[in-house]
N, C-alpha and C. Protein backbone atom coordinates (compact mmCIF):
# COMPACT_ATOMS: atom_id res chain seq x y z
N MET A 1 0.85 -1.18 0.00
CA MET A 1 0.00 0.00 0.00
C MET A 1 0.89 1.24 0.00
N ARG A 2 0.47 2.23 -0.73
CA ARG A 2 1.18 3.50 -0.78
C ARG A 2 0.28 4.58 -0.22
N LEU A 3 0.84 5.40 0.65
CA LEU A 3 0.11 6.50 1.27
C LEU A 3 0.83 7.79 0.94
N LYS A 4 0.11 8.74 0.35
CA LYS A 4 0.69 10.03 0.01
C LYS A 4 -0.26 11.12 0.48
N LEU A 5 0.19 11.92 1.45
CA LEU A 5 -0.66 12.96 2.05
C LEU A 5 0.06 14.30 2.03
N VAL A 6 -0.70 15.38 1.83
CA VAL A 6 -0.16 16.74 1.82
C VAL A 6 -1.00 17.58 2.78
N LEU A 7 -0.33 18.38 3.58
CA LEU A 7 -1.02 19.28 4.52
C LEU A 7 -1.78 20.33 3.72
N ASP A 8 -3.06 20.54 4.05
CA ASP A 8 -3.84 21.53 3.31
C ASP A 8 -3.46 22.95 3.74
N GLY A 9 -4.05 23.94 3.08
CA GLY A 9 -3.71 25.33 3.34
C GLY A 9 -4.00 25.81 4.74
N THR A 10 -4.96 25.19 5.41
CA THR A 10 -5.29 25.60 6.78
C THR A 10 -4.33 25.02 7.80
N LYS A 11 -3.53 24.05 7.39
CA LYS A 11 -2.60 23.32 8.26
C LYS A 11 -3.32 22.59 9.39
N ARG A 12 -4.57 22.22 9.13
CA ARG A 12 -5.37 21.48 10.10
C ARG A 12 -5.78 20.12 9.60
N ALA A 13 -5.43 19.80 8.35
CA ALA A 13 -5.84 18.53 7.77
C ALA A 13 -4.86 18.11 6.68
N TYR A 14 -4.81 16.82 6.45
CA TYR A 14 -4.05 16.26 5.33
C TYR A 14 -5.04 15.75 4.29
N GLU A 15 -4.66 15.89 3.03
CA GLU A 15 -5.45 15.33 1.94
C GLU A 15 -4.50 14.57 1.03
N GLY A 16 -5.00 13.47 0.47
CA GLY A 16 -4.16 12.70 -0.43
C GLY A 16 -4.83 11.42 -0.86
N THR A 17 -3.99 10.41 -1.09
CA THR A 17 -4.49 9.13 -1.58
C THR A 17 -3.86 7.97 -0.83
N ALA A 18 -4.62 6.92 -0.76
CA ALA A 18 -4.15 5.61 -0.28
C ALA A 18 -4.32 4.67 -1.47
N THR A 19 -3.24 4.00 -1.85
CA THR A 19 -3.26 3.19 -3.05
C THR A 19 -2.80 1.77 -2.75
N THR A 20 -3.56 0.80 -3.22
CA THR A 20 -3.17 -0.60 -3.16
C THR A 20 -2.96 -1.06 -4.60
N PRO A 21 -2.44 -2.26 -4.81
CA PRO A 21 -2.27 -2.73 -6.19
C PRO A 21 -3.58 -2.77 -6.99
N ASP A 22 -4.70 -2.89 -6.29
CA ASP A 22 -5.99 -3.02 -6.97
C ASP A 22 -6.82 -1.76 -7.05
N GLU A 23 -6.60 -0.82 -6.13
CA GLU A 23 -7.51 0.33 -6.05
C GLU A 23 -6.81 1.53 -5.43
N GLN A 24 -7.43 2.70 -5.63
CA GLN A 24 -6.95 3.95 -5.03
C GLN A 24 -8.13 4.70 -4.44
N TRP A 25 -7.93 5.29 -3.24
CA TRP A 25 -9.00 6.03 -2.57
C TRP A 25 -8.49 7.40 -2.16
N PRO A 26 -9.35 8.41 -2.29
CA PRO A 26 -8.99 9.71 -1.71
C PRO A 26 -9.16 9.62 -0.19
N VAL A 27 -8.28 10.29 0.53
CA VAL A 27 -8.38 10.32 1.99
C VAL A 27 -8.21 11.75 2.48
N ARG A 28 -8.85 12.05 3.56
CA ARG A 28 -8.71 13.33 4.26
C ARG A 28 -8.56 12.99 5.73
N VAL A 29 -7.55 13.57 6.35
CA VAL A 29 -7.27 13.31 7.76
C VAL A 29 -7.41 14.62 8.50
N VAL A 30 -8.27 14.64 9.53
CA VAL A 30 -8.55 15.86 10.28
C VAL A 30 -8.31 15.64 11.76
N ASP A 31 -8.38 16.73 12.51
CA ASP A 31 -8.21 16.73 13.97
C ASP A 31 -6.82 16.24 14.36
N LEU A 32 -5.81 16.93 13.84
CA LEU A 32 -4.43 16.53 14.08
C LEU A 32 -3.99 16.73 15.53
N GLU A 33 -4.68 17.58 16.26
CA GLU A 33 -4.31 17.84 17.65
C GLU A 33 -4.92 16.85 18.63
N GLY A 34 -6.02 16.23 18.25
CA GLY A 34 -6.70 15.31 19.17
C GLY A 34 -6.74 13.92 18.60
N ASP A 35 -7.92 13.33 18.59
CA ASP A 35 -8.10 12.03 17.96
C ASP A 35 -8.02 12.24 16.45
N VAL A 36 -7.04 11.63 15.84
CA VAL A 36 -6.89 11.76 14.39
C VAL A 36 -8.04 11.02 13.73
N THR A 37 -8.75 11.71 12.84
CA THR A 37 -9.92 11.14 12.17
C THR A 37 -9.67 11.07 10.67
N VAL A 38 -9.95 9.90 10.09
CA VAL A 38 -9.76 9.70 8.66
C VAL A 38 -11.11 9.66 7.97
N GLU A 39 -11.26 10.49 6.95
CA GLU A 39 -12.48 10.51 6.14
C GLU A 39 -12.15 9.88 4.79
N THR A 40 -12.70 8.69 4.54
CA THR A 40 -12.43 7.99 3.30
C THR A 40 -13.46 6.89 3.08
N ARG A 41 -13.52 6.40 1.86
CA ARG A 41 -14.36 5.24 1.55
C ARG A 41 -13.51 3.98 1.45
N ALA A 42 -12.26 4.09 1.81
CA ALA A 42 -11.35 2.94 1.78
C ALA A 42 -11.75 1.92 2.83
N PRO A 43 -11.31 0.67 2.69
CA PRO A 43 -11.61 -0.34 3.70
C PRO A 43 -11.06 0.08 5.08
N ALA A 44 -11.61 -0.50 6.10
CA ALA A 44 -11.26 -0.13 7.48
C ALA A 44 -9.77 -0.29 7.76
N ASP A 45 -9.13 -1.34 7.24
CA ASP A 45 -7.71 -1.53 7.53
C ASP A 45 -6.85 -0.44 6.89
N VAL A 46 -7.24 0.05 5.73
CA VAL A 46 -6.52 1.15 5.07
C VAL A 46 -6.71 2.44 5.87
N ALA A 47 -7.93 2.70 6.29
CA ALA A 47 -8.21 3.90 7.10
C ALA A 47 -7.45 3.86 8.42
N GLU A 48 -7.40 2.71 9.06
CA GLU A 48 -6.70 2.58 10.34
C GLU A 48 -5.20 2.76 10.16
N TYR A 49 -4.62 2.20 9.12
CA TYR A 49 -3.20 2.38 8.84
C TYR A 49 -2.91 3.87 8.62
N THR A 50 -3.75 4.55 7.87
CA THR A 50 -3.58 5.97 7.61
C THR A 50 -3.66 6.75 8.92
N ARG A 51 -4.63 6.44 9.75
CA ARG A 51 -4.79 7.13 11.04
C ARG A 51 -3.55 6.96 11.90
N ARG A 52 -3.03 5.76 11.96
CA ARG A 52 -1.85 5.50 12.80
C ARG A 52 -0.61 6.24 12.30
N VAL A 53 -0.40 6.25 10.99
CA VAL A 53 0.75 6.96 10.43
C VAL A 53 0.68 8.44 10.76
N VAL A 54 -0.47 9.07 10.55
CA VAL A 54 -0.62 10.50 10.82
C VAL A 54 -0.53 10.78 12.31
N ARG A 55 -1.11 9.94 13.12
CA ARG A 55 -1.06 10.13 14.57
C ARG A 55 0.38 10.12 15.08
N ILE A 56 1.18 9.17 14.59
CA ILE A 56 2.58 9.11 14.99
C ILE A 56 3.33 10.36 14.55
N ALA A 57 3.09 10.80 13.31
CA ALA A 57 3.76 12.01 12.82
C ALA A 57 3.38 13.24 13.63
N ALA A 58 2.11 13.37 13.97
CA ALA A 58 1.63 14.52 14.76
C ALA A 58 2.19 14.49 16.17
N LYS A 59 2.18 13.32 16.81
CA LYS A 59 2.70 13.21 18.17
C LYS A 59 4.20 13.48 18.22
N THR A 60 4.93 12.99 17.24
CA THR A 60 6.38 13.20 17.19
C THR A 60 6.69 14.68 17.00
N ALA A 61 5.97 15.33 16.11
CA ALA A 61 6.19 16.76 15.87
C ALA A 61 5.90 17.57 17.14
N LYS A 62 4.82 17.23 17.82
CA LYS A 62 4.47 17.94 19.05
C LYS A 62 5.54 17.73 20.12
N ALA A 63 6.01 16.51 20.27
CA ALA A 63 7.04 16.20 21.27
C ALA A 63 8.35 16.92 20.96
N ASP A 64 8.65 17.09 19.68
CA ASP A 64 9.88 17.77 19.27
C ASP A 64 9.73 19.29 19.22
N GLY A 65 8.51 19.78 19.41
CA GLY A 65 8.26 21.22 19.40
C GLY A 65 8.32 21.84 18.01
N VAL A 66 7.98 21.06 17.01
CA VAL A 66 7.97 21.56 15.63
C VAL A 66 6.58 21.37 15.03
N SER A 67 6.35 21.98 13.87
CA SER A 67 5.05 21.81 13.23
C SER A 67 4.98 20.45 12.54
N VAL A 68 3.77 20.03 12.23
CA VAL A 68 3.59 18.74 11.56
C VAL A 68 4.21 18.80 10.17
N PRO A 69 4.66 17.67 9.64
CA PRO A 69 5.28 17.69 8.32
C PRO A 69 4.31 18.11 7.22
N ARG A 70 4.82 18.77 6.20
CA ARG A 70 3.98 19.21 5.09
C ARG A 70 3.48 18.03 4.25
N THR A 71 4.33 17.03 4.13
CA THR A 71 3.94 15.84 3.38
C THR A 71 4.26 14.59 4.18
N ILE A 72 3.46 13.57 3.97
CA ILE A 72 3.70 12.24 4.55
C ILE A 72 3.58 11.25 3.42
N GLN A 73 4.62 10.46 3.23
CA GLN A 73 4.59 9.40 2.22
C GLN A 73 5.08 8.11 2.87
N ARG A 74 4.31 7.07 2.71
CA ARG A 74 4.68 5.76 3.26
C ARG A 74 4.37 4.71 2.23
N TRP A 75 5.16 3.67 2.26
CA TRP A 75 4.92 2.52 1.40
C TRP A 75 5.03 1.27 2.26
N ARG A 76 4.10 0.37 2.10
CA ARG A 76 4.11 -0.88 2.84
C ARG A 76 3.81 -1.99 1.84
N ALA A 77 4.65 -3.01 1.87
CA ALA A 77 4.46 -4.13 0.94
C ALA A 77 3.18 -4.87 1.28
N PRO A 78 2.50 -5.40 0.26
CA PRO A 78 1.28 -6.20 0.52
C PRO A 78 1.59 -7.40 1.39
N GLN A 79 0.65 -7.74 2.24
CA GLN A 79 0.86 -8.87 3.15
C GLN A 79 0.02 -10.05 2.73
């Protein structure tokens, strides 16, 4: 699975795509300060993977005292 997200202009949400070998879904990730919420029609496991990746990035940025990254790209081999 490939995940490619870009911080939107408000710096409060990420928008991008989650792609598997068979399909691609648009995703939007909001509430970066609290419970990270994923808005997508992708299967639950894709949405959960996306939520975890963004949550880790947001928590790490906060702990380091920096802003969240402008882009997040991850690739995970099919299982």
